[in-house]
Every structure is written in structure tokens, then in C-alpha cells.
């Protein structure tokens, strides 16, 4: 199944190659232009993409690779400015209408994850937590499968620091998907209205406690798909006996 993108960079010490490709349209046509430091980054990126062969120009993967490379080549001060301007821009307009800002979100998430820059990643996802990341359709799997130690715990950190109720509800849905068996037992559904999910703080806390208790015994389900109706494919972790906790 195709998986989308959502990631980027900030960590100055990171030498990890972010080769993963994104599958999302980058702002063009009547999309609004970037502003501030992001305008300069967009110009650099467009010039770099212009040197690609025609077949590569029409493919998202090499275009995103060029953007990630530009981020890696930037100075720490430049990356910090890109990051701050991105946070500010993400709070303006709707997803899919922000042009280059929407394009940049994915690469920043991936890069920060590979750098294991937890603080910046939490701040970014607390501003906007996308459903899909990179080629992964579910952000909870992306984080759990990343190089970040206890990556799934980032969702709980984001929940506490979300800047809007709408984004906090998005993070809550990712947690519900990640801990679906516990949600089933509690009678909580991922498609509930935002206001219902925001009243489920006790459940969010119980999921975190469950993970901390069992994390050393958990095996990630490499075939995970929240869209599957067949268990255990729908479960993020395969250790079925551990899900059978007392009510």
C-alpha cells in the first residue's frame, strides 16, 4: 500500500541519510508562495530540481530527496530558522492550501526522526500531526518503527503540548489506533467527534502506562495496517496475551 510523507531536519549532528521518498504534491500553480527564510529555501529547491532529468522531475521521490539534501546542507542556524518559520506557517491556512509549507512538513518530520531530535519533533507534531508520514500511511507505525527510542511515546508528549484542540484530537486518534485493543475494551472509537476524544484523558494516560509496563516485551507488527479488519494485522504490537489486561 502506498504510504505518504511527512518529515524533515534540524539536528546539526545528524549524518544519517534521509533517502526515503514522499508521495505528496508540492505547492505549485496557484498555491501561495513561501515567505521569510522558507522563500529562500523554496528557491534553492526549485533550482536544484531544475537540474534533474525529465523523468525525475515528474517523480516525487527525487524531488523530495533534493529538498532533504538542502536541509542537511544548511547550517544549524539556517535549519533553526526554517523550523521556526515552518511552525509559524503551519498555523496559517488549511492543509493542502499552503504550498511549499505543506511540502516541507514531511521532510522535516523524517529528518528529525532520523536525527533522534525528540524535542524539535515533539514541537513540530504538537503544531501539526499528520495522519501519514513519508511512505507510511499511519504516523503511529512510522514513529514506533523509527530509530527513535520508544518512538510511540512521542505521541503522548505531543498530546500534552498540542497548540489546538483539533490537533490534540488528531494525536488522540493516532494513540487510539496504536492501542486499538485497549480502545475496543474501553468502548472508544477513532471516528468519534473531537470533543468526545478530548474528554478521554484518562484513557490516554492508561495507554501510556500500559506501554511503559510492557514495552520490553512488545514486538512491532511489521504488517500493521489500521485499515485492516483482520486481527492481528490491525494491532500495532503482536503480543496478544499482553492486550488481555484486567478491566
Foldseek 3Di string as FASTA:
>chain_A
DFFAAFAAAQDLPDPDQPQFFGDDDAADDPADAADDLVNVLVVVLVVVLVPDDPVVNVDRRVSVSSSRVVLNPDHNVSSVVVLVSLLVQLVDDDAPRHGNSNVRRRHHHSHCQSVLVLVSNLVSLLSPPDQTHGRGNGVLLVQVVTPHVVRNCSLVSSLVRRPDLVSNLVSLLSLCQQLVLLCVVVVHDSPDDSVVSVVVVVSSVVSVVLCVVCVVPWDADPQADCPDPDPPNSHRTDPVVSSPDDD
